[in-house]
Amino acid sequence: MKQLSKLWILCFFIFESCVIFQATKVPSNNLKSALNAKSKHSPTIVFLGDSITHGRVSYDYVDAIAKNPNLKDYQVINEGINSRLTVQILEQLDNLKEINPDFVFLLIGTNDLKATLSPEEYNRYASIWKLKDPVTEESFVQNLTKIIQTIKKDTKAKLIVFSLPVLGEDPNSIPFQRSKRFAELTKEVTRKETVIYKPFHETLSKGLETSNLKIRKPYIQSTWGMYWTILRYYSTTSSWDDLGDSNGYYYLTDAIHLNERGGKVLEGMALEEILPKKESP
């Protein structure tokens, strides 16, 4: 019995390691790989962001866009990595300058927001990224402004900035209200810097108002809950929508990441900016 228990634990850790590998796998079409390949493909689209853009623990809207038949002649680059804050996006701007894309889509802020919720949340990011400075609304605004100004100055790209998604789906909860605040800050920066703003947070909020969910679940920090959802995705036939539904969310899977229902909203907003509008008859 003891040997069986040890074997089960070993199998669990091997399985968990495989899942973590899948969830953290770096996109093969990231900026570095494009530079190494010395790709001169045009038009080129770069998506900058965190796990929502990475698409390994969330609906992969970048991959869906890349597979759009109307974009078969485009190069699509996914520069999204789990747990990124605005400060990590700043570190990618030299590579972005070298690529000099035609479009840049920026979706960032969820992790900056989460790092302001509690010392425990901040310490997690500090451990991952060796942060030395506190994360605040002010640091978010400063970093976002610098990102936008640098892209405008150093590339020819049409820059489109999304507001971050909702955090949890209870509009009365503190995390949701904080996500609303960070969306407002994003909008203020884009207006000041005169770049295109896409109201992703606002659209999800409005959609939640008209959905049939009876219970609005708030965000509660639960690393295990997030890992369990990821584990189920990679070890079963469940879709992101299935997992979101089973966890009680409409647009999300685990109070943070997007299911397909939420991701399709983001995908549609991006395509509006990439594909030329059809002329009315």
Protein backbone atom coordinates (compact mmCIF):
# COMPACT_ATOMS: atom_id res chain seq x y z
CA MET A 1 0.00 0.00 0.00
CA LYS A 2 2.86 2.33 0.88
CA GLN A 3 4.61 1.57 -2.42
CA LEU A 4 1.37 2.22 -4.32
CA SER A 5 1.02 5.57 -2.57
CA LYS A 6 4.59 6.54 -3.52
CA LEU A 7 3.96 5.50 -7.13
CA TRP A 8 0.79 7.59 -7.26
CA ILE A 9 2.63 10.64 -5.92
CA LEU A 10 5.44 10.14 -8.45
CA CYS A 11 2.96 9.84 -11.32
CA PHE A 12 1.15 12.95 -10.13
CA PHE A 13 4.36 15.02 -10.07
CA ILE A 14 5.40 13.78 -13.52
CA PHE A 15 1.97 14.61 -14.88
CA GLU A 16 1.96 18.00 -13.17
CA SER A 17 5.40 18.78 -14.64
CA CYS A 18 4.13 17.98 -18.13
CA VAL A 19 1.17 20.28 -17.63
CA ILE A 20 3.36 23.11 -16.33
CA PHE A 21 5.63 22.65 -19.35
CA GLN A 22 2.64 22.98 -21.68
CA ALA A 23 1.29 25.99 -19.81
CA THR A 24 4.60 27.89 -19.80
CA LYS A 25 5.89 26.96 -23.25
CA VAL A 26 7.23 30.08 -24.97
CA PRO A 27 5.39 30.95 -28.21
CA SER A 28 7.37 29.68 -31.20
CA ASN A 29 6.43 32.83 -33.12
CA ASN A 30 7.77 35.34 -30.59
CA LEU A 31 9.94 38.38 -31.30
CA LYS A 32 13.22 36.59 -30.63
CA SER A 33 12.44 33.76 -33.03
CA ALA A 34 11.42 36.24 -35.73
CA LEU A 35 14.71 38.11 -35.29
CA ASN A 36 16.74 34.90 -35.34
CA ALA A 37 15.02 33.89 -38.55
CA LYS A 38 15.85 37.33 -39.98
CA SER A 39 12.28 37.51 -41.20
CA LYS A 40 11.45 40.48 -43.44
CA HIS A 41 7.86 39.41 -43.93
CA SER A 42 5.27 42.15 -44.36
CA PRO A 43 2.68 43.03 -43.22
CA THR A 44 3.75 42.09 -39.70
CA ILE A 45 1.55 42.13 -36.61
CA VAL A 46 2.96 41.96 -33.08
CA PHE A 47 0.86 41.19 -30.02
CA LEU A 48 2.49 42.34 -26.78
CA GLY A 49 1.18 41.16 -23.43
CA ASP A 50 0.96 38.69 -20.58
CA SER A 51 -0.74 35.30 -20.17
CA ILE A 52 -3.92 36.50 -21.91
CA THR A 53 -1.83 37.04 -25.06
CA HIS A 54 0.47 34.07 -24.44
CA GLY A 55 -2.56 31.83 -24.91
CA ARG A 56 -1.31 28.75 -23.05
CA VAL A 57 -3.53 29.17 -19.99
CA SER A 58 -6.24 31.15 -21.75
CA TYR A 59 -8.06 31.07 -25.09
CA ASP A 60 -5.38 31.67 -27.73
CA TYR A 61 -6.83 34.64 -29.58
CA VAL A 62 -3.49 35.36 -31.31
CA ASP A 63 -3.40 31.90 -32.87
CA ALA A 64 -7.02 32.28 -33.99
CA ILE A 65 -6.14 35.58 -35.67
CA ALA A 66 -3.07 34.05 -37.32
CA LYS A 67 -5.31 31.34 -38.81
CA ASN A 68 -7.81 33.83 -40.22
CA PRO A 69 -7.91 33.14 -43.98
CA ASN A 70 -7.91 36.87 -44.71
CA LEU A 71 -4.50 37.16 -43.02
CA LYS A 72 -2.67 34.35 -44.81
CA ASP A 73 -0.08 36.83 -46.15
CA TYR A 74 0.59 38.39 -42.74
CA GLN A 75 3.29 37.49 -40.25
CA VAL A 76 1.77 37.25 -36.76
CA ILE A 77 4.12 37.47 -33.77
CA ASN A 78 3.03 36.49 -30.25
CA GLU A 79 5.13 38.30 -27.65
CA GLY A 80 3.04 37.30 -24.67
CA ILE A 81 4.41 35.64 -21.53
CA ASN A 82 2.64 34.54 -18.35
CA SER A 83 2.83 36.91 -15.34
CA ARG A 84 4.31 39.87 -17.21
CA LEU A 85 3.90 43.39 -15.89
CA THR A 86 4.40 46.61 -17.83
CA VAL A 87 8.07 46.68 -16.80
CA GLN A 88 8.70 43.42 -18.69
CA ILE A 89 7.10 44.85 -21.83
CA LEU A 90 9.61 47.70 -21.70
CA GLU A 91 12.38 45.12 -21.94
CA GLN A 92 11.06 43.90 -25.32
CA LEU A 93 11.01 47.25 -27.09
CA ASP A 94 14.51 47.01 -28.61
CA ASN A 95 13.51 43.76 -30.34
CA LEU A 96 10.24 45.35 -31.42
CA LYS A 97 12.13 48.28 -32.93
CA GLU A 98 14.29 45.90 -34.94
CA ILE A 99 11.24 44.08 -36.32
CA ASN A 100 9.51 47.44 -37.04
CA PRO A 101 6.04 45.90 -37.51
CA ASP A 102 3.03 47.32 -39.30
CA PHE A 103 0.66 46.71 -36.36
CA VAL A 104 1.26 46.47 -32.62
CA PHE A 105 -1.48 45.37 -30.23
CA LEU A 106 -0.82 45.97 -26.54
CA LEU A 107 -2.78 44.23 -23.77
CA ILE A 108 -1.19 44.66 -20.36
CA GLY A 109 -2.09 45.61 -16.80
CA THR A 110 -3.68 42.61 -15.10
CA ASN A 111 -0.50 41.67 -13.25
CA ASP A 112 0.31 45.28 -12.36
CA LEU A 113 -3.18 45.46 -10.89
CA LYS A 114 -2.88 42.17 -9.01
CA ALA A 115 0.46 43.24 -7.55
CA THR A 116 -1.33 46.18 -5.90
CA LEU A 117 -3.99 44.04 -4.20
CA SER A 118 -1.92 42.72 -1.30
CA PRO A 119 1.66 42.18 -0.09
CA GLU A 120 1.26 38.47 -0.87
CA GLU A 121 0.35 39.18 -4.48
CA TYR A 122 3.23 41.64 -4.86
CA ASN A 123 5.73 39.22 -3.30
CA ARG A 124 4.81 36.58 -5.86
CA TYR A 125 5.69 38.92 -8.73
CA ALA A 126 8.75 40.20 -6.92
CA SER A 127 9.96 36.62 -6.65
CA ILE A 128 9.30 35.82 -10.32
CA TRP A 129 10.81 38.99 -11.79
CA LYS A 130 13.21 40.09 -9.02
CA LEU A 131 11.29 43.33 -8.58
CA LYS A 132 12.92 45.98 -6.44
CA ASP A 133 10.39 48.79 -6.74
CA PRO A 134 6.76 48.79 -5.59
CA VAL A 135 3.97 48.39 -8.15
CA THR A 136 1.44 51.21 -8.02
CA GLU A 137 -1.06 53.03 -10.19
CA GLU A 138 1.63 55.62 -10.78
CA SER A 139 4.23 53.08 -11.91
CA PHE A 140 1.66 51.51 -14.24
CA VAL A 141 0.86 54.87 -15.85
CA GLN A 142 4.55 55.78 -16.16
CA ASN A 143 5.48 52.45 -17.74
CA LEU A 144 2.47 52.38 -20.07
CA THR A 145 3.23 55.93 -21.21
CA LYS A 146 6.86 55.06 -21.90
CA ILE A 147 5.87 51.92 -23.83
CA ILE A 148 3.48 53.86 -26.05
CA GLN A 149 5.87 56.77 -26.61
CA THR A 150 8.72 54.43 -27.53
CA ILE A 151 6.64 52.42 -30.00
CA LYS A 152 5.38 55.62 -31.62
CA LYS A 153 8.91 57.03 -31.86
CA ASP A 154 10.85 53.95 -32.92
CA THR A 155 8.47 52.09 -35.24
CA LYS A 156 6.09 52.74 -38.11
CA ALA A 157 3.42 50.61 -36.46
CA LYS A 158 -0.24 51.36 -36.10
CA LEU A 159 -0.55 51.00 -32.31
CA ILE A 160 -3.71 49.67 -30.71
CA VAL A 161 -4.08 49.47 -26.92
CA PHE A 162 -6.69 47.30 -25.19
CA SER A 163 -7.96 47.92 -21.70
CA LEU A 164 -7.30 44.94 -19.45
CA PRO A 165 -10.01 42.30 -18.88
CA VAL A 166 -12.20 42.16 -15.80
CA LEU A 167 -10.70 40.54 -12.70
CA GLY A 168 -13.39 38.24 -11.40
CA GLU A 169 -16.98 38.80 -12.47
CA ASP A 170 -18.53 40.42 -9.39
CA PRO A 171 -18.81 44.15 -10.21
CA ASN A 172 -19.07 44.98 -6.51
CA SER A 173 -15.83 43.24 -5.52
CA ILE A 174 -12.63 45.17 -4.88
CA PRO A 175 -10.57 43.31 -7.55
CA PHE A 176 -13.23 44.04 -10.20
CA GLN A 177 -13.36 47.70 -9.21
CA ARG A 178 -9.56 47.86 -9.30
CA SER A 179 -9.57 46.36 -12.81
CA LYS A 180 -12.08 49.04 -13.81
CA ARG A 181 -9.73 51.68 -12.39
CA PHE A 182 -6.76 50.33 -14.35
CA ALA A 183 -8.90 50.31 -17.50
CA GLU A 184 -9.71 53.98 -16.88
CA LEU A 185 -6.02 54.75 -16.43
CA THR A 186 -5.24 52.97 -19.71
CA LYS A 187 -7.87 55.01 -21.49
CA GLU A 188 -6.47 58.25 -20.03
CA VAL A 189 -2.95 57.42 -21.22
CA THR A 190 -4.08 56.49 -24.74
CA ARG A 191 -6.06 59.70 -25.07
CA LYS A 192 -3.09 61.75 -23.93
CA GLU A 193 -0.77 59.93 -26.33
CA THR A 194 -3.35 59.92 -29.17
CA VAL A 195 -3.28 56.21 -29.96
CA ILE A 196 -6.15 53.83 -30.67
CA TYR A 197 -7.96 52.56 -27.58
CA LYS A 198 -10.12 49.43 -27.57
CA PRO A 199 -12.56 49.20 -24.62
CA PHE A 200 -12.14 45.52 -23.81
CA HIS A 201 -12.88 45.83 -20.08
CA GLU A 202 -15.92 47.99 -20.76
CA THR A 203 -17.28 45.51 -23.32
CA LEU A 204 -16.93 42.56 -20.95
CA SER A 205 -18.55 44.55 -18.14
CA LYS A 206 -21.53 45.38 -20.34
CA GLY A 207 -21.79 41.76 -21.45
CA LEU A 208 -21.87 40.58 -17.84
CA GLU A 209 -24.78 42.90 -17.15
CA THR A 210 -26.87 41.18 -19.82
CA SER A 211 -25.73 37.60 -19.15
CA ASN A 212 -27.94 35.10 -17.35
CA LEU A 213 -25.50 34.29 -14.57
CA LYS A 214 -27.29 34.34 -11.22
CA ILE A 215 -24.12 34.46 -9.14
CA ARG A 216 -21.26 36.83 -9.95
CA LYS A 217 -18.08 35.24 -8.69
CA PRO A 218 -15.32 37.55 -7.42
CA TYR A 219 -11.59 37.11 -7.85
CA ILE A 220 -10.01 35.42 -4.84
CA GLN A 221 -6.30 34.65 -4.93
CA SER A 222 -6.02 30.88 -5.45
CA THR A 223 -2.94 29.58 -7.20
CA TRP A 224 -4.16 26.01 -6.81
CA GLY A 225 -7.54 26.87 -8.36
CA MET A 226 -5.76 28.34 -11.39
CA TYR A 227 -3.43 25.33 -11.70
CA TRP A 228 -6.32 22.90 -11.36
CA THR A 229 -8.15 24.59 -14.24
CA ILE A 230 -5.02 24.45 -16.39
CA LEU A 231 -4.49 20.81 -15.44
CA ARG A 232 -8.02 19.95 -16.52
CA TYR A 233 -7.58 21.69 -19.87
CA TYR A 234 -4.43 19.79 -20.80
CA SER A 235 -5.50 16.44 -19.37
CA THR A 236 -9.13 16.24 -20.56
CA THR A 237 -11.20 17.13 -23.62
CA SER A 238 -12.73 20.12 -21.83
CA SER A 239 -12.66 23.42 -23.73
CA TRP A 240 -11.91 26.75 -22.08
CA ASP A 241 -15.64 27.50 -22.24
CA ASP A 242 -16.41 24.19 -20.51
CA LEU A 243 -13.98 25.03 -17.73
CA GLY A 244 -15.32 28.55 -17.35
CA ASP A 245 -18.88 27.24 -17.14
CA SER A 246 -17.96 24.60 -14.57
CA ASN A 247 -16.19 27.24 -12.47
CA GLY A 248 -19.17 29.58 -12.67
CA TYR A 249 -17.77 32.24 -15.02
CA TYR A 250 -19.16 33.74 -18.20
CA TYR A 251 -16.06 35.25 -19.86
CA LEU A 252 -13.31 33.80 -17.67
CA THR A 253 -11.96 30.38 -16.74
CA ASP A 254 -10.50 30.96 -13.26
CA ALA A 255 -11.33 34.61 -12.40
CA ILE A 256 -8.26 35.81 -14.37
CA HIS A 257 -7.93 34.17 -17.77
CA LEU A 258 -10.26 34.21 -20.78
CA ASN A 259 -12.40 31.38 -22.04
CA GLU A 260 -13.31 31.32 -25.74
CA ARG A 261 -16.38 33.47 -25.15
CA GLY A 262 -14.18 36.23 -23.73
CA GLY A 263 -11.34 35.65 -26.15
CA LYS A 264 -13.59 35.99 -29.18
CA VAL A 265 -14.50 39.51 -28.04
CA LEU A 266 -10.80 40.40 -28.01
CA GLU A 267 -10.22 38.66 -31.33
CA GLY A 268 -13.03 40.61 -32.97
CA MET A 269 -11.71 43.93 -31.68
CA ALA A 270 -8.26 43.19 -33.12
CA LEU A 271 -9.59 42.15 -36.52
CA GLU A 272 -11.54 45.42 -36.75
CA GLU A 273 -8.20 47.23 -36.81
CA ILE A 274 -6.31 44.85 -39.10
CA LEU A 275 -8.76 44.18 -41.88
CA PRO A 276 -9.94 47.07 -44.06
CA LYS A 277 -13.60 47.92 -43.65
CA LYS A 278 -15.77 46.82 -46.53
CA GLU A 279 -17.29 49.66 -48.46
CA SER A 280 -21.04 49.97 -48.23
CA PRO A 281 -22.90 49.06 -51.44
